[in-house]
Amino acid sequence: MGLLKEFKEFAVKGNVVDLAVAVIIGGAFGKIVASFVSDVLMPPIGLLLGGVDYTSLQLILKEASMNDAGEEIAAVAINYGVFLQNVIDFIIIAFVIFMAIRAINSMKNKEAAAPPPPPPGPTPSEKLLEEIRDLLKK
């Protein structure tokens, strides 16, 4: 029963909910970045390189052919254009995450570097007690 109780405490603390939210937002962000790369970034790059569509870049290892039954056998190819696009997606996502973590760390460092607030002065009753103490010493 100890394991079940420990898991329940873990799940209730909010760690699981925070992780689920992060995964959902990360997935949506990944789609945005993928769309940005494929629909905004790559077309101008392809145009600069002579109208090349990166997703169609491939190294054909074996051409498509027909078998004896007349069915087409698909070509065997290495789709390095799709790979390049995924690498660019990853670099953009990694950079954005790096910048977010850097901003969070800089805010934490500013909080840590801020001087602590001065201690509050004595209250009026404490001042009165100090005066009484001083008078008793005399």
N, C-alpha and C. Protein backbone atom coordinates (compact mmCIF):
# COMPACT_ATOMS: atom_id res chain seq x y z
N MET A 1 0.81 -1.20 0.00
CA MET A 1 0.00 0.00 0.00
C MET A 1 0.85 1.26 0.00
N GLY A 2 2.08 1.17 0.45
CA GLY A 2 2.95 2.34 0.52
C GLY A 2 3.20 2.94 -0.85
N LEU A 3 3.38 2.09 -1.86
CA LEU A 3 3.64 2.56 -3.22
C LEU A 3 2.43 3.30 -3.78
N LEU A 4 1.25 2.76 -3.54
CA LEU A 4 0.02 3.39 -4.02
C LEU A 4 -0.18 4.75 -3.35
N LYS A 5 0.06 4.81 -2.05
CA LYS A 5 -0.07 6.08 -1.32
C LYS A 5 0.93 7.11 -1.83
N GLU A 6 2.16 6.66 -2.06
CA GLU A 6 3.20 7.57 -2.58
C GLU A 6 2.85 8.09 -3.96
N PHE A 7 2.31 7.20 -4.82
CA PHE A 7 1.90 7.63 -6.15
C PHE A 7 0.76 8.64 -6.06
N LYS A 8 -0.20 8.41 -5.17
CA LYS A 8 -1.32 9.33 -5.02
C LYS A 8 -0.82 10.71 -4.59
N GLU A 9 0.12 10.75 -3.64
CA GLU A 9 0.69 12.02 -3.20
C GLU A 9 1.39 12.72 -4.36
N PHE A 10 2.13 11.95 -5.15
CA PHE A 10 2.82 12.51 -6.31
C PHE A 10 1.83 13.11 -7.30
N ALA A 11 0.77 12.38 -7.59
CA ALA A 11 -0.21 12.83 -8.58
C ALA A 11 -1.00 14.03 -8.08
N VAL A 12 -1.26 14.09 -6.79
CA VAL A 12 -2.06 15.17 -6.24
C VAL A 12 -1.23 16.45 -6.10
N LYS A 13 0.07 16.33 -5.96
CA LYS A 13 0.91 17.51 -5.78
C LYS A 13 0.83 18.46 -6.97
N GLY A 14 0.44 17.99 -8.10
CA GLY A 14 0.35 18.86 -9.27
C GLY A 14 1.45 18.60 -10.28
N ASN A 15 2.42 17.77 -9.93
CA ASN A 15 3.50 17.49 -10.87
C ASN A 15 2.98 16.85 -12.15
N VAL A 16 2.05 15.93 -12.00
CA VAL A 16 1.51 15.24 -13.17
C VAL A 16 0.70 16.22 -14.03
N VAL A 17 -0.07 17.06 -13.38
CA VAL A 17 -0.88 18.04 -14.12
C VAL A 17 0.04 19.03 -14.84
N ASP A 18 1.07 19.50 -14.16
CA ASP A 18 2.01 20.43 -14.79
C ASP A 18 2.69 19.78 -15.99
N LEU A 19 3.07 18.52 -15.83
CA LEU A 19 3.72 17.80 -16.93
C LEU A 19 2.76 17.63 -18.10
N ALA A 20 1.51 17.30 -17.82
CA ALA A 20 0.52 17.12 -18.89
C ALA A 20 0.30 18.43 -19.64
N VAL A 21 0.20 19.52 -18.92
CA VAL A 21 0.02 20.82 -19.56
C VAL A 21 1.24 21.14 -20.43
N ALA A 22 2.42 20.88 -19.91
CA ALA A 22 3.64 21.15 -20.68
C ALA A 22 3.69 20.32 -21.96
N VAL A 23 3.30 19.07 -21.88
CA VAL A 23 3.31 18.21 -23.08
C VAL A 23 2.30 18.72 -24.11
N ILE A 24 1.12 19.11 -23.66
CA ILE A 24 0.11 19.60 -24.60
C ILE A 24 0.56 20.90 -25.26
N ILE A 25 1.08 21.81 -24.46
CA ILE A 25 1.55 23.08 -25.02
C ILE A 25 2.75 22.84 -25.93
N GLY A 26 3.63 21.94 -25.53
CA GLY A 26 4.79 21.61 -26.37
C GLY A 26 4.37 21.02 -27.71
N GLY A 27 3.36 20.16 -27.69
CA GLY A 27 2.87 19.59 -28.95
C GLY A 27 2.29 20.65 -29.86
N ALA A 28 1.52 21.56 -29.29
CA ALA A 28 0.95 22.64 -30.09
C ALA A 28 2.04 23.56 -30.61
N PHE A 29 3.02 23.85 -29.76
CA PHE A 29 4.14 24.69 -30.18
C PHE A 29 4.93 24.02 -31.30
N GLY A 30 5.11 22.70 -31.19
CA GLY A 30 5.80 21.96 -32.25
C GLY A 30 5.10 22.07 -33.58
N LYS A 31 3.77 22.04 -33.56
CA LYS A 31 3.01 22.19 -34.80
C LYS A 31 3.18 23.59 -35.38
N ILE A 32 3.21 24.58 -34.51
CA ILE A 32 3.41 25.96 -34.98
C ILE A 32 4.77 26.10 -35.62
N VAL A 33 5.79 25.56 -34.97
CA VAL A 33 7.15 25.66 -35.51
C VAL A 33 7.26 24.88 -36.82
N ALA A 34 6.66 23.70 -36.87
CA ALA A 34 6.71 22.91 -38.11
C ALA A 34 6.05 23.67 -39.25
N SER A 35 4.92 24.30 -38.97
CA SER A 35 4.25 25.09 -40.00
C SER A 35 5.10 26.29 -40.40
N PHE A 36 5.71 26.95 -39.42
CA PHE A 36 6.58 28.09 -39.71
C PHE A 36 7.72 27.68 -40.63
N VAL A 37 8.36 26.56 -40.31
CA VAL A 37 9.49 26.12 -41.11
C VAL A 37 9.05 25.70 -42.50
N SER A 38 8.00 24.87 -42.58
CA SER A 38 7.61 24.35 -43.90
C SER A 38 6.88 25.37 -44.76
N ASP A 39 6.11 26.26 -44.15
CA ASP A 39 5.27 27.17 -44.93
C ASP A 39 5.84 28.58 -45.07
N VAL A 40 6.71 28.99 -44.16
CA VAL A 40 7.23 30.36 -44.19
C VAL A 40 8.72 30.40 -44.48
N LEU A 41 9.49 29.58 -43.79
CA LEU A 41 10.94 29.65 -43.88
C LEU A 41 11.51 28.94 -45.11
N MET A 42 11.04 27.73 -45.38
CA MET A 42 11.64 26.93 -46.44
C MET A 42 11.30 27.40 -47.86
N PRO A 43 10.10 27.90 -48.15
CA PRO A 43 9.85 28.35 -49.53
C PRO A 43 10.82 29.43 -50.02
N PRO A 44 11.11 30.48 -49.23
CA PRO A 44 12.10 31.45 -49.73
C PRO A 44 13.50 30.85 -49.88
N ILE A 45 13.87 29.96 -48.97
CA ILE A 45 15.18 29.31 -49.09
C ILE A 45 15.22 28.47 -50.36
N GLY A 46 14.14 27.74 -50.60
CA GLY A 46 14.07 26.94 -51.82
C GLY A 46 14.11 27.81 -53.07
N LEU A 47 13.45 28.97 -53.03
CA LEU A 47 13.46 29.90 -54.15
C LEU A 47 14.87 30.43 -54.40
N LEU A 48 15.58 30.75 -53.32
CA LEU A 48 16.97 31.22 -53.46
C LEU A 48 17.87 30.14 -54.05
N LEU A 49 17.54 28.89 -53.80
CA LEU A 49 18.36 27.79 -54.32
C LEU A 49 17.82 27.25 -55.64
N GLY A 50 17.07 28.06 -56.34
CA GLY A 50 16.61 27.65 -57.68
C GLY A 50 15.26 26.98 -57.69
N GLY A 51 14.38 27.34 -56.79
CA GLY A 51 13.03 26.79 -56.80
C GLY A 51 12.93 25.38 -56.28
N VAL A 52 13.84 24.98 -55.39
CA VAL A 52 13.84 23.61 -54.87
C VAL A 52 12.84 23.50 -53.72
N ASP A 53 12.01 22.47 -53.76
CA ASP A 53 11.12 22.15 -52.64
C ASP A 53 11.86 21.14 -51.77
N TYR A 54 12.21 21.56 -50.55
CA TYR A 54 13.03 20.71 -49.69
C TYR A 54 12.40 19.37 -49.40
N THR A 55 11.09 19.33 -49.25
CA THR A 55 10.46 18.06 -48.91
C THR A 55 10.56 17.04 -50.04
N SER A 56 10.83 17.50 -51.25
CA SER A 56 10.94 16.56 -52.37
C SER A 56 12.38 16.12 -52.63
N LEU A 57 13.33 16.66 -51.89
CA LEU A 57 14.72 16.25 -52.08
C LEU A 57 14.91 14.83 -51.56
N GLN A 58 15.45 13.98 -52.41
CA GLN A 58 15.66 12.58 -52.02
C GLN A 58 16.76 11.96 -52.85
N LEU A 59 17.32 10.92 -52.29
CA LEU A 59 18.33 10.14 -52.98
C LEU A 59 17.69 8.79 -53.29
N ILE A 60 17.46 8.54 -54.58
CA ILE A 60 16.75 7.33 -54.98
C ILE A 60 17.75 6.17 -55.03
N LEU A 61 17.47 5.14 -54.23
CA LEU A 61 18.32 3.95 -54.21
C LEU A 61 17.87 2.92 -55.24
N LYS A 62 16.55 2.83 -55.43
CA LYS A 62 15.99 1.90 -56.40
C LYS A 62 14.76 2.54 -57.00
N GLU A 63 14.70 2.65 -58.32
CA GLU A 63 13.58 3.27 -59.01
C GLU A 63 12.30 2.45 -58.80
N ALA A 64 11.17 3.12 -58.95
CA ALA A 64 9.90 2.41 -58.90
C ALA A 64 9.82 1.46 -60.09
N SER A 65 9.17 0.34 -59.87
CA SER A 65 9.09 -0.66 -60.94
C SER A 65 7.75 -1.38 -60.86
N MET A 66 7.51 -2.23 -61.86
CA MET A 66 6.27 -3.03 -61.91
C MET A 66 6.64 -4.49 -61.65
N ASN A 67 5.80 -5.15 -60.87
CA ASN A 67 6.05 -6.59 -60.68
C ASN A 67 5.33 -7.38 -61.77
N ASP A 68 5.40 -8.69 -61.69
CA ASP A 68 4.81 -9.54 -62.72
C ASP A 68 3.29 -9.43 -62.79
N ALA A 69 2.67 -9.06 -61.66
CA ALA A 69 1.21 -8.94 -61.64
C ALA A 69 0.74 -7.57 -62.14
N GLY A 70 1.66 -6.70 -62.51
CA GLY A 70 1.31 -5.38 -63.01
C GLY A 70 1.11 -4.34 -61.90
N GLU A 71 1.48 -4.68 -60.68
CA GLU A 71 1.38 -3.74 -59.57
C GLU A 71 2.67 -2.95 -59.46
N GLU A 72 2.51 -1.68 -59.13
CA GLU A 72 3.69 -0.82 -59.03
C GLU A 72 4.38 -1.04 -57.68
N ILE A 73 5.69 -1.20 -57.71
CA ILE A 73 6.51 -1.30 -56.51
C ILE A 73 7.12 0.08 -56.29
N ALA A 74 6.89 0.62 -55.12
CA ALA A 74 7.35 1.98 -54.82
C ALA A 74 8.88 2.06 -54.86
N ALA A 75 9.36 3.24 -55.17
CA ALA A 75 10.80 3.47 -55.20
C ALA A 75 11.34 3.44 -53.78
N VAL A 76 12.60 3.05 -53.67
CA VAL A 76 13.30 3.08 -52.39
C VAL A 76 14.17 4.31 -52.41
N ALA A 77 13.92 5.23 -51.46
CA ALA A 77 14.63 6.50 -51.49
C ALA A 77 14.94 6.97 -50.08
N ILE A 78 16.01 7.73 -49.97
CA ILE A 78 16.36 8.42 -48.72
C ILE A 78 15.85 9.85 -48.87
N ASN A 79 14.87 10.22 -48.06
CA ASN A 79 14.25 11.54 -48.13
C ASN A 79 15.01 12.53 -47.25
N TYR A 80 16.15 12.99 -47.71
CA TYR A 80 16.97 13.87 -46.89
C TYR A 80 16.39 15.28 -46.81
N GLY A 81 15.53 15.65 -47.71
CA GLY A 81 14.88 16.96 -47.64
C GLY A 81 13.96 17.06 -46.44
N VAL A 82 13.19 16.03 -46.19
CA VAL A 82 12.31 15.98 -45.02
C VAL A 82 13.16 16.00 -43.75
N PHE A 83 14.28 15.27 -43.79
CA PHE A 83 15.20 15.25 -42.64
C PHE A 83 15.75 16.66 -42.37
N LEU A 84 16.15 17.37 -43.42
CA LEU A 84 16.66 18.73 -43.22
C LEU A 84 15.60 19.63 -42.60
N GLN A 85 14.37 19.49 -43.07
CA GLN A 85 13.29 20.30 -42.52
C GLN A 85 13.07 19.98 -41.04
N ASN A 86 13.13 18.71 -40.67
CA ASN A 86 12.97 18.33 -39.27
C ASN A 86 14.13 18.83 -38.42
N VAL A 87 15.34 18.85 -38.97
CA VAL A 87 16.49 19.39 -38.24
C VAL A 87 16.29 20.88 -37.98
N ILE A 88 15.81 21.60 -38.97
CA ILE A 88 15.56 23.04 -38.78
C ILE A 88 14.46 23.25 -37.74
N ASP A 89 13.39 22.42 -37.78
CA ASP A 89 12.34 22.48 -36.75
C ASP A 89 12.96 22.31 -35.37
N PHE A 90 13.80 21.30 -35.22
CA PHE A 90 14.41 21.02 -33.92
C PHE A 90 15.27 22.19 -33.45
N ILE A 91 16.06 22.76 -34.35
CA ILE A 91 16.94 23.87 -33.96
C ILE A 91 16.12 25.06 -33.49
N ILE A 92 15.03 25.36 -34.17
CA ILE A 92 14.18 26.49 -33.77
C ILE A 92 13.54 26.21 -32.41
N ILE A 93 12.99 25.01 -32.22
CA ILE A 93 12.36 24.67 -30.93
C ILE A 93 13.39 24.70 -29.81
N ALA A 94 14.57 24.13 -30.05
CA ALA A 94 15.62 24.11 -29.02
C ALA A 94 16.05 25.54 -28.67
N PHE A 95 16.14 26.41 -29.67
CA PHE A 95 16.56 27.79 -29.41
C PHE A 95 15.50 28.53 -28.58
N VAL A 96 14.23 28.34 -28.92
CA VAL A 96 13.16 29.01 -28.18
C VAL A 96 13.13 28.51 -26.74
N ILE A 97 13.28 27.21 -26.53
CA ILE A 97 13.30 26.67 -25.17
C ILE A 97 14.51 27.20 -24.41
N PHE A 98 15.67 27.27 -25.08
CA PHE A 98 16.87 27.83 -24.45
C PHE A 98 16.63 29.27 -24.01
N MET A 99 16.01 30.07 -24.88
CA MET A 99 15.76 31.47 -24.54
C MET A 99 14.76 31.58 -23.37
N ALA A 100 13.75 30.71 -23.33
CA ALA A 100 12.78 30.74 -22.23
C ALA A 100 13.46 30.37 -20.92
N ILE A 101 14.27 29.34 -20.93
CA ILE A 101 14.97 28.92 -19.70
C ILE A 101 15.96 30.00 -19.28
N ARG A 102 16.61 30.61 -20.23
CA ARG A 102 17.56 31.69 -19.92
C ARG A 102 16.84 32.86 -19.25
N ALA A 103 15.65 33.21 -19.77
CA ALA A 103 14.88 34.30 -19.17
C ALA A 103 14.44 33.95 -17.75
N ILE A 104 14.01 32.72 -17.55
CA ILE A 104 13.58 32.28 -16.22
C ILE A 104 14.77 32.32 -15.25
N ASN A 105 15.93 31.83 -15.70
CA ASN A 105 17.10 31.84 -14.84
C ASN A 105 17.55 33.26 -14.51
N SER A 106 17.46 34.17 -15.47
CA SER A 106 17.87 35.55 -15.19
C SER A 106 16.93 36.20 -14.18
N MET A 107 15.63 35.87 -14.25
CA MET A 107 14.69 36.40 -13.26
C MET A 107 15.00 35.84 -11.87
N LYS A 108 15.34 34.55 -11.80
CA LYS A 108 15.70 33.95 -10.51
C LYS A 108 16.97 34.59 -9.96
N ASN A 109 17.95 34.84 -10.84
CA ASN A 109 19.19 35.45 -10.39
C ASN A 109 18.96 36.87 -9.88
N LYS A 110 18.06 37.62 -10.53
CA LYS A 110 17.75 38.98 -10.06
C LYS A 110 17.10 38.93 -8.69
N GLU A 111 16.22 37.96 -8.49
CA GLU A 111 15.58 37.83 -7.18
C GLU A 111 16.60 37.48 -6.11
N ALA A 112 17.55 36.59 -6.45
CA ALA A 112 18.56 36.17 -5.48
C ALA A 112 19.54 37.31 -5.20
N ALA A 113 19.84 38.14 -6.19
CA ALA A 113 20.81 39.21 -6.03
C ALA A 113 20.22 40.44 -5.34
N ALA A 114 18.92 40.55 -5.27
CA ALA A 114 18.29 41.72 -4.64
C ALA A 114 18.62 41.71 -3.15
N PRO A 115 18.97 42.88 -2.62
CA PRO A 115 19.29 42.92 -1.19
C PRO A 115 18.05 42.65 -0.35
N PRO A 116 18.24 41.98 0.76
CA PRO A 116 17.07 41.70 1.60
C PRO A 116 16.52 42.99 2.18
N PRO A 117 15.24 43.04 2.44
CA PRO A 117 14.67 44.27 3.00
C PRO A 117 15.24 44.51 4.40
N PRO A 118 15.38 45.78 4.77
CA PRO A 118 15.93 46.06 6.10
C PRO A 118 14.98 45.54 7.17
N PRO A 119 15.54 45.14 8.29
CA PRO A 119 14.65 44.63 9.35
C PRO A 119 13.77 45.77 9.87
N PRO A 120 12.57 45.43 10.25
CA PRO A 120 11.67 46.48 10.73
C PRO A 120 12.21 47.07 12.04
N GLY A 121 11.97 48.36 12.20
CA GLY A 121 12.41 49.04 13.42
C GLY A 121 11.61 48.58 14.62
N PRO A 122 12.08 48.94 15.79
CA PRO A 122 11.34 48.53 17.00
C PRO A 122 9.97 49.19 17.07
N THR A 123 9.04 48.47 17.61
CA THR A 123 7.68 49.00 17.77
C THR A 123 7.67 50.01 18.91
N PRO A 124 6.63 50.81 18.99
CA PRO A 124 6.57 51.80 20.10
C PRO A 124 6.64 51.14 21.48
N SER A 125 6.02 49.97 21.63
CA SER A 125 6.08 49.31 22.94
C SER A 125 7.50 48.82 23.23
N GLU A 126 8.23 48.37 22.21
CA GLU A 126 9.61 47.95 22.41
C GLU A 126 10.48 49.14 22.79
N LYS A 127 10.24 50.29 22.17
CA LYS A 127 10.99 51.50 22.52
C LYS A 127 10.75 51.89 23.98
N LEU A 128 9.50 51.80 24.40
CA LEU A 128 9.15 52.13 25.78
C LEU A 128 9.84 51.17 26.74
N LEU A 129 9.85 49.89 26.40
CA LEU A 129 10.52 48.91 27.25
C LEU A 129 12.02 49.17 27.32
N GLU A 130 12.63 49.57 26.20
CA GLU A 130 14.06 49.90 26.20
C GLU A 130 14.33 51.09 27.11
N GLU A 131 13.46 52.10 27.07
CA GLU A 131 13.64 53.28 27.94
C GLU A 131 13.53 52.89 29.41
N ILE A 132 12.57 52.01 29.70
CA ILE A 132 12.39 51.53 31.07
C ILE A 132 13.63 50.77 31.51
N ARG A 133 14.14 49.90 30.65
CA ARG A 133 15.35 49.14 30.95
C ARG A 133 16.52 50.07 31.24
N ASP A 134 16.70 51.08 30.38
CA ASP A 134 17.80 52.02 30.55
C ASP A 134 17.67 52.79 31.86
N LEU A 135 16.45 53.16 32.21
CA LEU A 135 16.21 53.89 33.47
C LEU A 135 16.51 53.01 34.68
N LEU A 136 16.16 51.73 34.58
CA LEU A 136 16.42 50.80 35.68
C LEU A 136 17.92 50.55 35.86
N LYS A 137 18.67 50.58 34.77
CA LYS A 137 20.12 50.40 34.86
C LYS A 137 20.75 51.56 35.61
N LYS A 138 20.22 52.75 35.44
CA LYS A 138 20.78 53.95 36.09
C LYS A 138 20.46 53.89 37.55
